Amino acid sequence: MSSAWMNLAATNGAMGVGLVVAAVVVVALLIGAFAVGIRVKRREAPPPRPEEQPHLPEGGPVRETREVREPEEVPRSDERMRPHELKRQGSRTSAGQERPRWDEGGSGSFGSGGPGGGR
């Protein structure tokens, strides 16, 4: 019976030593990764100086263009179209440039349909 206890104790001791060795290996890998990261960071170019930063164009800031866009329709056909047969799909400028607005009494925020705004 004592030999079973000795085997169990030896197994637990070996497992404990194995865990300590694994922990030391993980710590060594983390320290190595940190050291490699520092070396890589030192080789990088320094951040740009203020005079190297981008500047506004001579004419001032670029203005934003607002326009109403509508999608290009996929051509209808009796035959199934393959991707290479489709032209580049995108959008085009809409004929009417009035922005769509909510209708009075239409759905409120989150589609509740209520008046909204605490009325």
PDB file of N, CA and C in Angstrom:
ATOM      1  N   MET A   1       0.813  -1.193   0.000  1.00  0.00           N
ATOM      2  CA  MET A   1       0.000   0.000   0.000  1.00  0.00           C
ATOM      3  C   MET A   1       0.859   1.261   0.000  1.00  0.00           C
ATOM      4  N   SER A   2       1.978   1.200   0.670  1.00  0.00           N
ATOM      5  CA  SER A   2       2.831   2.377   0.730  1.00  0.00           C
ATOM      6  C   SER A   2       3.427   2.710  -0.633  1.00  0.00           C
ATOM      7  N   SER A   3       3.596   1.712  -1.504  1.00  0.00           N
ATOM      8  CA  SER A   3       4.143   1.978  -2.831  1.00  0.00           C
ATOM      9  C   SER A   3       3.150   2.780  -3.676  1.00  0.00           C
ATOM     10  N   ALA A   4       1.848   2.571  -3.502  1.00  0.00           N
ATOM     11  CA  ALA A   4       0.839   3.347  -4.232  1.00  0.00           C
ATOM     12  C   ALA A   4       0.896   4.810  -3.823  1.00  0.00           C
ATOM     13  N   TRP A   5       1.059   5.038  -2.493  1.00  0.00           N
ATOM     14  CA  TRP A   5       1.149   6.409  -2.010  1.00  0.00           C
ATOM     15  C   TRP A   5       2.411   7.091  -2.516  1.00  0.00           C
ATOM     16  N   MET A   6       3.473   6.353  -2.619  1.00  0.00           N
ATOM     17  CA  MET A   6       4.731   6.924  -3.100  1.00  0.00           C
ATOM     18  C   MET A   6       4.624   7.277  -4.588  1.00  0.00           C
ATOM     19  N   ASN A   7       3.949   6.394  -5.359  1.00  0.00           N
ATOM     20  CA  ASN A   7       3.746   6.698  -6.779  1.00  0.00           C
ATOM     21  C   ASN A   7       2.895   7.945  -6.950  1.00  0.00           C
ATOM     22  N   LEU A   8       1.836   8.071  -6.131  1.00  0.00           N
ATOM     23  CA  LEU A   8       0.962   9.238  -6.197  1.00  0.00           C
ATOM     24  C   LEU A   8       1.741  10.504  -5.837  1.00  0.00           C
ATOM     25  N   ALA A   9       2.561  10.416  -4.803  1.00  0.00           N
ATOM     26  CA  ALA A   9       3.354  11.571  -4.393  1.00  0.00           C
ATOM     27  C   ALA A   9       4.367  11.938  -5.467  1.00  0.00           C
ATOM     28  N   ALA A  10       4.964  10.948  -6.092  1.00  0.00           N
ATOM     29  CA  ALA A  10       5.940  11.213  -7.151  1.00  0.00           C
ATOM     30  C   ALA A  10       5.248  11.846  -8.361  1.00  0.00           C
ATOM     31  N   THR A  11       4.030  11.375  -8.665  1.00  0.00           N
ATOM     32  CA  THR A  11       3.287  11.952  -9.796  1.00  0.00           C
ATOM     33  C   THR A  11       2.939  13.405  -9.519  1.00  0.00           C
ATOM     34  N   ASN A  12       2.448  13.690  -8.306  1.00  0.00           N
ATOM     35  CA  ASN A  12       2.105  15.073  -7.947  1.00  0.00           C
ATOM     36  C   ASN A  12       3.342  15.960  -7.953  1.00  0.00           C
ATOM     37  N   GLY A  13       4.458  15.440  -7.472  1.00  0.00           N
ATOM     38  CA  GLY A  13       5.691  16.226  -7.457  1.00  0.00           C
ATOM     39  C   GLY A  13       6.169  16.532  -8.868  1.00  0.00           C
ATOM     40  N   ALA A  14       6.089  15.537  -9.757  1.00  0.00           N
ATOM     41  CA  ALA A  14       6.497  15.752 -11.148  1.00  0.00           C
ATOM     42  C   ALA A  14       5.570  16.749 -11.834  1.00  0.00           C
ATOM     43  N   MET A  15       4.260  16.657 -11.500  1.00  0.00           N
ATOM     44  CA  MET A  15       3.309  17.598 -12.103  1.00  0.00           C
ATOM     45  C   MET A  15       3.592  19.015 -11.625  1.00  0.00           C
ATOM     46  N   GLY A  16       3.926  19.164 -10.363  1.00  0.00           N
ATOM     47  CA  GLY A  16       4.250  20.484  -9.813  1.00  0.00           C
ATOM     48  C   GLY A  16       5.494  21.064 -10.462  1.00  0.00           C
ATOM     49  N   VAL A  17       6.515  20.227 -10.645  1.00  0.00           N
ATOM     50  CA  VAL A  17       7.745  20.687 -11.295  1.00  0.00           C
ATOM     51  C   VAL A  17       7.451  21.074 -12.747  1.00  0.00           C
ATOM     52  N   GLY A  18       6.593  20.267 -13.412  1.00  0.00           N
ATOM     53  CA  GLY A  18       6.232  20.578 -14.804  1.00  0.00           C
ATOM     54  C   GLY A  18       5.513  21.912 -14.920  1.00  0.00           C
ATOM     55  N   LEU A  19       4.619  22.208 -13.976  1.00  0.00           N
ATOM     56  CA  LEU A  19       3.907  23.492 -13.993  1.00  0.00           C
ATOM     57  C   LEU A  19       4.862  24.660 -13.762  1.00  0.00           C
ATOM     58  N   VAL A  20       5.810  24.496 -12.867  1.00  0.00           N
ATOM     59  CA  VAL A  20       6.790  25.556 -12.611  1.00  0.00           C
ATOM     60  C   VAL A  20       7.640  25.797 -13.858  1.00  0.00           C
ATOM     61  N   VAL A  21       8.083  24.728 -14.510  1.00  0.00           N
ATOM     62  CA  VAL A  21       8.877  24.871 -15.733  1.00  0.00           C
ATOM     63  C   VAL A  21       8.050  25.568 -16.817  1.00  0.00           C
ATOM     64  N   ALA A  22       6.773  25.172 -16.963  1.00  0.00           N
ATOM     65  CA  ALA A  22       5.908  25.809 -17.971  1.00  0.00           C
ATOM     66  C   ALA A  22       5.735  27.292 -17.665  1.00  0.00           C
ATOM     67  N   ALA A  23       5.563  27.641 -16.390  1.00  0.00           N
ATOM     68  CA  ALA A  23       5.405  29.048 -16.013  1.00  0.00           C
ATOM     69  C   ALA A  23       6.660  29.848 -16.340  1.00  0.00           C
ATOM     70  N   VAL A  24       7.828  29.271 -16.061  1.00  0.00           N
ATOM     71  CA  VAL A  24       9.089  29.959 -16.362  1.00  0.00           C
ATOM     72  C   VAL A  24       9.231  30.161 -17.865  1.00  0.00           C
ATOM     73  N   VAL A  25       8.838  29.170 -18.662  1.00  0.00           N
ATOM     74  CA  VAL A  25       8.917  29.299 -20.124  1.00  0.00           C
ATOM     75  C   VAL A  25       7.987  30.408 -20.615  1.00  0.00           C
ATOM     76  N   VAL A  26       6.772  30.468 -20.082  1.00  0.00           N
ATOM     77  CA  VAL A  26       5.822  31.521 -20.493  1.00  0.00           C
ATOM     78  C   VAL A  26       6.362  32.893 -20.131  1.00  0.00           C
ATOM     79  N   VAL A  27       6.896  33.055 -18.940  1.00  0.00           N
ATOM     80  CA  VAL A  27       7.459  34.352 -18.525  1.00  0.00           C
ATOM     81  C   VAL A  27       8.635  34.730 -19.416  1.00  0.00           C
ATOM     82  N   ALA A  28       9.474  33.755 -19.756  1.00  0.00           N
ATOM     83  CA  ALA A  28      10.617  34.035 -20.630  1.00  0.00           C
ATOM     84  C   ALA A  28      10.141  34.470 -22.018  1.00  0.00           C
ATOM     85  N   LEU A  29       9.103  33.815 -22.529  1.00  0.00           N
ATOM     86  CA  LEU A  29       8.563  34.214 -23.836  1.00  0.00           C
ATOM     87  C   LEU A  29       7.987  35.628 -23.798  1.00  0.00           C
ATOM     88  N   LEU A  30       7.293  35.967 -22.732  1.00  0.00           N
ATOM     89  CA  LEU A  30       6.731  37.319 -22.615  1.00  0.00           C
ATOM     90  C   LEU A  30       7.837  38.375 -22.538  1.00  0.00           C
ATOM     91  N   ILE A  31       8.870  38.101 -21.767  1.00  0.00           N
ATOM     92  CA  ILE A  31       9.990  39.048 -21.677  1.00  0.00           C
ATOM     93  C   ILE A  31      10.674  39.178 -23.033  1.00  0.00           C
ATOM     94  N   GLY A  32      10.850  38.063 -23.741  1.00  0.00           N
ATOM     95  CA  GLY A  32      11.461  38.107 -25.070  1.00  0.00           C
ATOM     96  C   GLY A  32      10.618  38.902 -26.049  1.00  0.00           C
ATOM     97  N   ALA A  33       9.287  38.700 -26.014  1.00  0.00           N
ATOM     98  CA  ALA A  33       8.399  39.456 -26.915  1.00  0.00           C
ATOM     99  C   ALA A  33       8.466  40.943 -26.608  1.00  0.00           C
ATOM    100  N   PHE A  34       8.537  41.293 -25.342  1.00  0.00           N
ATOM    101  CA  PHE A  34       8.651  42.699 -24.955  1.00  0.00           C
ATOM    102  C   PHE A  34       9.951  43.301 -25.475  1.00  0.00           C
ATOM    103  N   ALA A  35      11.044  42.569 -25.358  1.00  0.00           N
ATOM    104  CA  ALA A  35      12.344  43.056 -25.831  1.00  0.00           C
ATOM    105  C   ALA A  35      12.336  43.227 -27.351  1.00  0.00           C
ATOM    106  N   VAL A  36      11.757  42.277 -28.066  1.00  0.00           N
ATOM    107  CA  VAL A  36      11.676  42.393 -29.531  1.00  0.00           C
ATOM    108  C   VAL A  36      10.822  43.604 -29.913  1.00  0.00           C
ATOM    109  N   GLY A  37       9.721  43.820 -29.197  1.00  0.00           N
ATOM    110  CA  GLY A  37       8.864  44.982 -29.473  1.00  0.00           C
ATOM    111  C   GLY A  37       9.600  46.293 -29.287  1.00  0.00           C
ATOM    112  N   ILE A  38      10.431  46.376 -28.247  1.00  0.00           N
ATOM    113  CA  ILE A  38      11.215  47.601 -28.018  1.00  0.00           C
ATOM    114  C   ILE A  38      12.202  47.820 -29.163  1.00  0.00           C
ATOM    115  N   ARG A  39      12.865  46.748 -29.605  1.00  0.00           N
ATOM    116  CA  ARG A  39      13.833  46.891 -30.717  1.00  0.00           C
ATOM    117  C   ARG A  39      13.138  47.334 -31.998  1.00  0.00           C
ATOM    118  N   VAL A  40      11.965  46.776 -32.292  1.00  0.00           N
ATOM    119  CA  VAL A  40      11.225  47.154 -33.497  1.00  0.00           C
ATOM    120  C   VAL A  40      10.794  48.619 -33.407  1.00  0.00           C
ATOM    121  N   LYS A  41      10.314  49.039 -32.246  1.00  0.00           N
ATOM    122  CA  LYS A  41       9.877  50.425 -32.059  1.00  0.00           C
ATOM    123  C   LYS A  41      11.036  51.403 -32.259  1.00  0.00           C
ATOM    124  N   ARG A  42      12.231  51.036 -31.813  1.00  0.00           N
ATOM    125  CA  ARG A  42      13.386  51.924 -31.975  1.00  0.00           C
ATOM    126  C   ARG A  42      13.796  52.070 -33.431  1.00  0.00           C
ATOM    127  N   ARG A  43      13.526  51.036 -34.261  1.00  0.00           N
ATOM    128  CA  ARG A  43      13.889  51.106 -35.680  1.00  0.00           C
ATOM    129  C   ARG A  43      12.889  51.908 -36.511  1.00  0.00           C
ATOM    130  N   GLU A  44      11.685  52.156 -35.974  1.00  0.00           N
ATOM    131  CA  GLU A  44      10.668  52.907 -36.715  1.00  0.00           C
ATOM    132  C   GLU A  44      11.087  54.366 -36.877  1.00  0.00           C
ATOM    133  N   ALA A  45      10.535  54.983 -37.919  1.00  0.00           N
ATOM    134  CA  ALA A  45      10.798  56.408 -38.139  1.00  0.00           C
ATOM    135  C   ALA A  45      10.122  57.211 -37.028  1.00  0.00           C
ATOM    136  N   PRO A  46      10.732  58.331 -36.634  1.00  0.00           N
ATOM    137  CA  PRO A  46      10.102  59.153 -35.585  1.00  0.00           C
ATOM    138  C   PRO A  46       8.822  59.798 -36.132  1.00  0.00           C
ATOM    139  N   PRO A  47       7.945  60.261 -35.245  1.00  0.00           N
ATOM    140  CA  PRO A  47       6.731  60.929 -35.716  1.00  0.00           C
ATOM    141  C   PRO A  47       7.076  62.211 -36.464  1.00  0.00           C
ATOM    142  N   PRO A  48       6.239  62.621 -37.408  1.00  0.00           N
ATOM    143  CA  PRO A  48       6.560  63.824 -38.195  1.00  0.00           C
ATOM    144  C   PRO A  48       6.589  65.085 -37.329  1.00  0.00           C
ATOM    145  N   ARG A  49       7.490  65.991 -37.684  1.00  0.00           N
ATOM    146  CA  ARG A  49       7.589  67.272 -36.990  1.00  0.00           C
ATOM    147  C   ARG A  49       6.442  68.171 -37.458  1.00  0.00           C
ATOM    148  N   PRO A  50       6.137  69.235 -36.716  1.00  0.00           N
ATOM    149  CA  PRO A  50       5.013  70.111 -37.099  1.00  0.00           C
ATOM    150  C   PRO A  50       5.120  70.647 -38.527  1.00  0.00           C
ATOM    151  N   GLU A  51       6.331  70.962 -38.984  1.00  0.00           N
ATOM    152  CA  GLU A  51       6.452  71.504 -40.354  1.00  0.00           C
ATOM    153  C   GLU A  51       6.243  70.425 -41.414  1.00  0.00           C
ATOM    154  N   GLU A  52       6.307  69.151 -41.031  1.00  0.00           N
ATOM    155  CA  GLU A  52       6.082  68.059 -41.973  1.00  0.00           C
ATOM    156  C   GLU A  52       4.603  67.647 -42.042  1.00  0.00           C
ATOM    157  N   GLN A  53       3.781  68.240 -41.188  1.00  0.00           N
ATOM    158  CA  GLN A  53       2.355  67.906 -41.167  1.00  0.00           C
ATOM    159  C   GLN A  53       1.652  68.489 -42.398  1.00  0.00           C
ATOM    160  N   PRO A  54       0.533  67.893 -42.822  1.00  0.00           N
ATOM    161  CA  PRO A  54      -0.213  68.447 -43.961  1.00  0.00           C
ATOM    162  C   PRO A  54      -0.793  69.817 -43.620  1.00  0.00           C
ATOM    163  N   HIS A  55      -0.885  70.662 -44.653  1.00  0.00           N
ATOM    164  CA  HIS A  55      -1.406  72.021 -44.477  1.00  0.00           C
ATOM    165  C   HIS A  55      -2.643  72.202 -45.342  1.00  0.00           C
ATOM    166  N   LEU A  56      -3.440  73.220 -45.005  1.00  0.00           N
ATOM    167  CA  LEU A  56      -4.624  73.532 -45.799  1.00  0.00           C
ATOM    168  C   LEU A  56      -4.216  73.987 -47.193  1.00  0.00           C
ATOM    169  N   PRO A  57      -5.035  73.696 -48.206  1.00  0.00           N
ATOM    170  CA  PRO A  57      -4.743  74.203 -49.550  1.00  0.00           C
ATOM    171  C   PRO A  57      -4.804  75.733 -49.584  1.00  0.00           C
ATOM    172  N   GLU A  58      -4.223  76.312 -50.634  1.00  0.00           N
ATOM    173  CA  GLU A  58      -4.195  77.779 -50.783  1.00  0.00           C
ATOM    174  C   GLU A  58      -5.597  78.367 -50.752  1.00  0.00           C
ATOM    175  N   GLY A  59      -6.551  77.699 -51.366  1.00  0.00           N
ATOM    176  CA  GLY A  59      -7.919  78.225 -51.442  1.00  0.00           C
ATOM    177  C   GLY A  59      -8.732  77.993 -50.189  1.00  0.00           C
ATOM    178  N   GLY A  60      -8.150  77.501 -49.130  1.00  0.00           N
ATOM    179  CA  GLY A  60      -8.886  77.229 -47.904  1.00  0.00           C
ATOM    180  C   GLY A  60      -9.350  75.782 -47.854  1.00  0.00           C
ATOM    181  N   PRO A  61     -10.162  75.470 -46.874  1.00  0.00           N
ATOM    182  CA  PRO A  61     -10.612  74.087 -46.732  1.00  0.00           C
ATOM    183  C   PRO A  61     -11.505  73.657 -47.895  1.00  0.00           C
ATOM    184  N   VAL A  62     -11.445  72.396 -48.210  1.00  0.00           N
ATOM    185  CA  VAL A  62     -12.278  71.859 -49.283  1.00  0.00           C
ATOM    186  C   VAL A  62     -13.707  71.770 -48.776  1.00  0.00           C
ATOM    187  N   ARG A  63     -14.630  72.237 -49.586  1.00  0.00           N
ATOM    188  CA  ARG A  63     -16.035  72.244 -49.176  1.00  0.00           C
ATOM    189  C   ARG A  63     -16.691  70.912 -49.496  1.00  0.00           C
ATOM    190  N   GLU A  64     -17.651  70.573 -48.678  1.00  0.00           N
ATOM    191  CA  GLU A  64     -18.394  69.337 -48.856  1.00  0.00           C
ATOM    192  C   GLU A  64     -19.496  69.559 -49.882  1.00  0.00           C
ATOM    193  N   THR A  65     -19.713  68.582 -50.729  1.00  0.00           N
ATOM    194  CA  THR A  65     -20.774  68.661 -51.720  1.00  0.00           C
ATOM    195  C   THR A  65     -21.912  67.751 -51.292  1.00  0.00           C
ATOM    196  N   ARG A  66     -23.104  68.304 -51.245  1.00  0.00           N
ATOM    197  CA  ARG A  66     -24.269  67.491 -50.901  1.00  0.00           C
ATOM    198  C   ARG A  66     -25.117  67.329 -52.137  1.00  0.00           C
ATOM    199  N   GLU A  67     -25.495  66.087 -52.380  1.00  0.00           N
ATOM    200  CA  GLU A  67     -26.391  65.818 -53.488  1.00  0.00           C
ATOM    201  C   GLU A  67     -27.169  64.559 -53.187  1.00  0.00           C
ATOM    202  N   VAL A  68     -28.349  64.487 -53.770  1.00  0.00           N
ATOM    203  CA  VAL A  68     -29.182  63.302 -53.608  1.00  0.00           C
ATOM    204  C   VAL A  68     -28.748  62.303 -54.669  1.00  0.00           C
ATOM    205  N   ARG A  69     -28.476  61.065 -54.238  1.00  0.00           N
ATOM    206  CA  ARG A  69     -28.026  60.022 -55.150  1.00  0.00           C
ATOM    207  C   ARG A  69     -29.106  58.953 -55.274  1.00  0.00           C
ATOM    208  N   GLU A  70     -29.164  58.272 -56.384  1.00  0.00           N
ATOM    209  CA  GLU A  70     -30.076  57.141 -56.553  1.00  0.00           C
ATOM    210  C   GLU A  70     -29.306  55.983 -57.169  1.00  0.00           C
ATOM    211  N   PRO A  71     -29.709  54.760 -56.852  1.00  0.00           N
ATOM    212  CA  PRO A  71     -28.934  53.606 -57.313  1.00  0.00           C
ATOM    213  C   PRO A  71     -29.120  53.337 -58.801  1.00  0.00           C
ATOM    214  N   GLU A  72     -28.091  52.770 -59.391  1.00  0.00           N
ATOM    215  CA  GLU A  72     -28.204  52.267 -60.754  1.00  0.00           C
ATOM    216  C   GLU A  72     -29.017  50.977 -60.690  1.00  0.00           C
ATOM    217  N   GLU A  73     -29.953  50.819 -61.599  1.00  0.00           N
ATOM    218  CA  GLU A  73     -30.768  49.613 -61.601  1.00  0.00           C
ATOM    219  C   GLU A  73     -30.011  48.467 -62.256  1.00  0.00           C
ATOM    220  N   VAL A  74     -30.236  47.267 -61.757  1.00  0.00           N
ATOM    221  CA  VAL A  74     -29.663  46.075 -62.370  1.00  0.00           C
ATOM    222  C   VAL A  74     -30.488  45.782 -63.618  1.00  0.00           C
ATOM    223  N   PRO A  75     -29.850  45.575 -64.773  1.00  0.00           N
ATOM    224  CA  PRO A  75     -30.622  45.329 -65.986  1.00  0.00           C
ATOM    225  C   PRO A  75     -31.432  44.037 -65.884  1.00  0.00           C
ATOM    226  N   ARG A  76     -32.671  44.096 -66.379  1.00  0.00           N
ATOM    227  CA  ARG A  76     -33.557  42.922 -66.353  1.00  0.00           C
ATOM    228  C   ARG A  76     -33.313  42.103 -67.613  1.00  0.00           C
ATOM    229  N   SER A  77     -33.352  40.781 -67.453  1.00  0.00           N
ATOM    230  CA  SER A  77     -33.103  39.901 -68.579  1.00  0.00           C
ATOM    231  C   SER A  77     -33.773  38.560 -68.296  1.00  0.00           C
ATOM    232  N   ASP A  78     -34.146  37.846 -69.376  1.00  0.00           N
ATOM    233  CA  ASP A  78     -34.708  36.508 -69.207  1.00  0.00           C
ATOM    234  C   ASP A  78     -33.615  35.508 -68.842  1.00  0.00           C
ATOM    235  N   GLU A  79     -32.406  35.802 -69.265  1.00  0.00           N
ATOM    236  CA  GLU A  79     -31.274  34.926 -68.989  1.00  0.00           C
ATOM    237  C   GLU A  79     -30.618  35.335 -67.674  1.00  0.00           C
ATOM    238  N   ARG A  80     -30.060  34.367 -67.007  1.00  0.00           N
ATOM    239  CA  ARG A  80     -29.325  34.648 -65.791  1.00  0.00           C
ATOM    240  C   ARG A  80     -28.015  35.344 -66.149  1.00  0.00           C
ATOM    241  N   MET A  81     -27.734  36.475 -65.467  1.00  0.00           N
ATOM    242  CA  MET A  81     -26.508  37.215 -65.764  1.00  0.00           C
ATOM    243  C   MET A  81     -25.402  36.782 -64.821  1.00  0.00           C
ATOM    244  N   ARG A  82     -24.234  36.638 -65.358  1.00  0.00           N
ATOM    245  CA  ARG A  82     -23.061  36.291 -64.567  1.00  0.00           C
ATOM    246  C   ARG A  82     -22.391  37.594 -64.112  1.00  0.00           C
ATOM    247  N   PRO A  83     -21.600  37.543 -63.051  1.00  0.00           N
ATOM    248  CA  PRO A  83     -20.984  38.763 -62.537  1.00  0.00           C
ATOM    249  C   PRO A  83     -20.163  39.518 -63.578  1.00  0.00           C
ATOM    250  N   HIS A  84     -19.457  38.811 -64.462  1.00  0.00           N
ATOM    251  CA  HIS A  84     -18.635  39.509 -65.446  1.00  0.00           C
ATOM    252  C   HIS A  84     -19.479  40.191 -66.525  1.00  0.00           C
ATOM    253  N   GLU A  85     -20.775  39.851 -66.617  1.00  0.00           N
ATOM    254  CA  GLU A  85     -21.651  40.480 -67.604  1.00  0.00           C
ATOM    255  C   GLU A  85     -22.289  41.763 -67.080  1.00  0.00           C
ATOM    256  N   LEU A  86     -22.228  41.970 -65.761  1.00  0.00           N
ATOM    257  CA  LEU A  86     -22.801  43.183 -65.179  1.00  0.00           C
ATOM    258  C   LEU A  86     -21.830  44.335 -65.328  1.00  0.00           C
ATOM    259  N   LYS A  87     -22.357  45.512 -65.609  1.00  0.00           N
ATOM    260  CA  LYS A  87     -21.478  46.681 -65.612  1.00  0.00           C
ATOM    261  C   LYS A  87     -21.262  47.105 -64.168  1.00  0.00           C
ATOM    262  N   ARG A  88     -20.364  48.006 -63.971  1.00  0.00           N
ATOM    263  CA  ARG A  88     -20.060  48.467 -62.620  1.00  0.00           C
ATOM    264  C   ARG A  88     -21.303  49.118 -62.032  1.00  0.00           C
ATOM    265  N   GLN A  89     -21.764  48.584 -60.920  1.00  0.00           N
ATOM    266  CA  GLN A  89     -22.952  49.125 -60.267  1.00  0.00           C
ATOM    267  C   GLN A  89     -22.541  50.188 -59.266  1.00  0.00           C
ATOM    268  N   GLY A  90     -23.326  51.205 -59.170  1.00  0.00           N
ATOM    269  CA  GLY A  90     -23.030  52.274 -58.226  1.00  0.00           C
ATOM    270  C   GLY A  90     -24.258  53.134 -58.053  1.00  0.00           C
ATOM    271  N   SER A  91     -24.052  54.424 -58.070  1.00  0.00           N
ATOM    272  CA  SER A  91     -25.172  55.343 -57.951  1.00  0.00           C
ATOM    273  C   SER A  91     -24.918  56.521 -58.873  1.00  0.00           C
ATOM    274  N   ARG A  92     -25.959  57.270 -59.094  1.00  0.00           N
ATOM    275  CA  ARG A  92     -25.856  58.444 -59.967  1.00  0.00           C
ATOM    276  C   ARG A  92     -26.592  59.597 -59.305  1.00  0.00           C
ATOM    277  N   THR A  93     -26.326  60.794 -59.780  1.00  0.00           N
ATOM    278  CA  THR A  93     -27.005  61.969 -59.250  1.00  0.00           C
ATOM    279  C   THR A  93     -28.472  61.894 -59.614  1.00  0.00           C
ATOM    280  N   SER A  94     -29.324  62.139 -58.646  1.00  0.00           N
ATOM    281  CA  SER A  94     -30.767  62.078 -58.857  1.00  0.00           C
ATOM    282  C   SER A  94     -31.228  63.306 -59.640  1.00  0.00           C
ATOM    283  N   ALA A  95     -32.296  63.128 -60.422  1.00  0.00           N
ATOM    284  CA  ALA A  95     -32.843  64.253 -61.197  1.00  0.00           C
ATOM    285  C   ALA A  95     -33.378  65.335 -60.257  1.00  0.00           C
ATOM    286  N   GLY A  96     -34.107  64.944 -59.231  1.00  0.00           N
ATOM    287  CA  GLY A  96     -34.617  65.905 -58.257  1.00  0.00           C
ATOM    288  C   GLY A  96     -33.665  65.990 -57.086  1.00  0.00           C
ATOM    289  N   GLN A  97     -33.224  67.191 -56.754  1.00  0.00           N
ATOM    290  CA  GLN A  97     -32.235  67.346 -55.687  1.00  0.00           C
ATOM    291  C   GLN A  97     -32.856  67.776 -54.363  1.00  0.00           C
ATOM    292  N   GLU A  98     -34.191  67.650 -54.220  1.00  0.00           N
ATOM    293  CA  GLU A  98     -34.814  67.981 -52.944  1.00  0.00           C
ATOM    294  C   GLU A  98     -34.576  66.838 -51.978  1.00  0.00           C
ATOM    295  N   ARG A  99     -34.149  67.187 -50.784  1.00  0.00           N
ATOM    296  CA  ARG A  99     -33.880  66.158 -49.787  1.00  0.00           C
ATOM    297  C   ARG A  99     -35.192  65.611 -49.250  1.00  0.00           C
ATOM    298  N   PRO A 100     -35.295  64.295 -49.106  1.00  0.00           N
ATOM    299  CA  PRO A 100     -36.530  63.741 -48.554  1.00  0.00           C
ATOM    300  C   PRO A 100     -36.700  64.170 -47.096  1.00  0.00           C
ATOM    301  N   ARG A 101     -37.897  64.543 -46.714  1.00  0.00           N
ATOM    302  CA  ARG A 101     -38.197  64.976 -45.349  1.00  0.00           C
ATOM    303  C   ARG A 101     -39.279  64.074 -44.763  1.00  0.00           C
ATOM    304  N   TRP A 102     -39.330  64.062 -43.441  1.00  0.00           N
ATOM    305  CA  TRP A 102     -40.388  63.307 -42.787  1.00  0.00           C
ATOM    306  C   TRP A 102     -41.716  63.998 -43.042  1.00  0.00           C
ATOM    307  N   ASP A 103     -42.733  63.211 -43.292  1.00  0.00           N
ATOM    308  CA  ASP A 103     -44.071  63.769 -43.431  1.00  0.00           C
ATOM    309  C   ASP A 103     -44.631  64.058 -42.045  1.00  0.00           C
ATOM    310  N   GLU A 104     -45.355  65.170 -41.928  1.00  0.00           N
ATOM    311  CA  GLU A 104     -45.982  65.496 -40.655  1.00  0.00           C
ATOM    312  C   GLU A 104     -46.971  64.389 -40.325  1.00  0.00           C
ATOM    313  N   GLY A 105     -46.912  63.892 -39.114  1.00  0.00           N
ATOM    314  CA  GLY A 105     -47.807  62.814 -38.709  1.00  0.00           C
ATOM    315  C   GLY A 105     -47.312  61.448 -39.130  1.00  0.00           C
ATOM    316  N   GLY A 106     -46.155  61.396 -39.791  1.00  0.00           N
ATOM    317  CA  GLY A 106     -45.586  60.107 -40.183  1.00  0.00           C
ATOM    318  C   GLY A 106     -44.928  59.452 -38.988  1.00  0.00           C
ATOM    319  N   SER A 107     -44.186  58.407 -39.252  1.00  0.00           N
ATOM    320  CA  SER A 107     -43.574  57.675 -38.142  1.00  0.00           C
ATOM    321  C   SER A 107     -42.544  58.552 -37.443  1.00  0.00           C
ATOM    322  N   GLY A 108     -42.490  58.411 -36.134  1.00  0.00           N
ATOM    323  CA  GLY A 108     -41.541  59.183 -35.339  1.00  0.00           C
ATOM    324  C   GLY A 108     -40.237  58.432 -35.202  1.00  0.00           C
ATOM    325  N   SER A 109     -39.495  58.785 -34.179  1.00  0.00           N
ATOM    326  CA  SER A 109     -38.219  58.121 -33.989  1.00  0.00           C
ATOM    327  C   SER A 109     -38.443  56.660 -33.647  1.00  0.00           C
ATOM    328  N   PHE A 110     -37.518  55.838 -34.064  1.00  0.00           N
ATOM    329  CA  PHE A 110     -37.538  54.406 -33.831  1.00  0.00           C
ATOM    330  C   PHE A 110     -38.769  53.729 -34.419  1.00  0.00           C
ATOM    331  N   GLY A 111     -39.453  54.383 -35.353  1.00  0.00           N
ATOM    332  CA  GLY A 111     -40.599  53.759 -36.004  1.00  0.00           C
ATOM    333  C   GLY A 111     -41.797  53.604 -35.096  1.00  0.00           C
ATOM    334  N   SER A 112     -41.886  54.423 -34.050  1.00  0.00           N
ATOM    335  CA  SER A 112     -42.974  54.262 -33.104  1.00  0.00           C
ATOM    336  C   SER A 112     -44.318  54.704 -33.675  1.00  0.00           C
ATOM    337  N   GLY A 113     -44.290  55.616 -34.636  1.00  0.00           N
ATOM    338  CA  GLY A 113     -45.534  56.118 -35.195  1.00  0.00           C
ATOM    339  C   GLY A 113     -46.160  57.213 -34.348  1.00  0.00           C
ATOM    340  N   GLY A 114     -45.599  57.436 -33.169  1.00  0.00           N
ATOM    341  CA  GLY A 114     -46.142  58.472 -32.292  1.00  0.00           C
ATOM    342  C   GLY A 114     -45.633  59.845 -32.676  1.00  0.00           C
ATOM    343  N   PRO A 115     -46.182  60.879 -32.056  1.00  0.00           N
ATOM    344  CA  PRO A 115     -45.782  62.236 -32.409  1.00  0.00           C
ATOM    345  C   PRO A 115     -44.328  62.525 -32.049  1.00  0.00           C
ATOM    346  N   GLY A 116     -43.802  61.906 -31.011  1.00  0.00           N
ATOM    347  CA  GLY A 116     -42.411  62.143 -30.640  1.00  0.00           C
ATOM    348  C   GLY A 116     -42.203  63.543 -30.128  1.00  0.00           C
ATOM    349  N   GLY A 117     -41.002  63.852 -29.695  1.00  0.00           N
ATOM    350  CA  GLY A 117     -40.673  65.211 -29.258  1.00  0.00           C
ATOM    351  C   GLY A 117     -41.406  65.627 -28.000  1.00  0.00           C
ATOM    352  N   GLY A 118     -42.016  64.729 -27.273  1.00  0.00           N
ATOM    353  CA  GLY A 118     -42.674  65.058 -26.002  1.00  0.00           C
ATOM    354  C   GLY A 118     -43.917  65.870 -26.154  1.00  0.00           C
ATOM    355  N   ARG A 119     -44.623  65.720 -27.273  1.00  0.00           N
ATOM    356  CA  ARG A 119     -45.848  66.499 -27.447  1.00  0.00           C
ATOM    357  C   ARG A 119     -46.972  65.927 -26.662  1.00  0.00           C
TER     358      ARG A 119
END
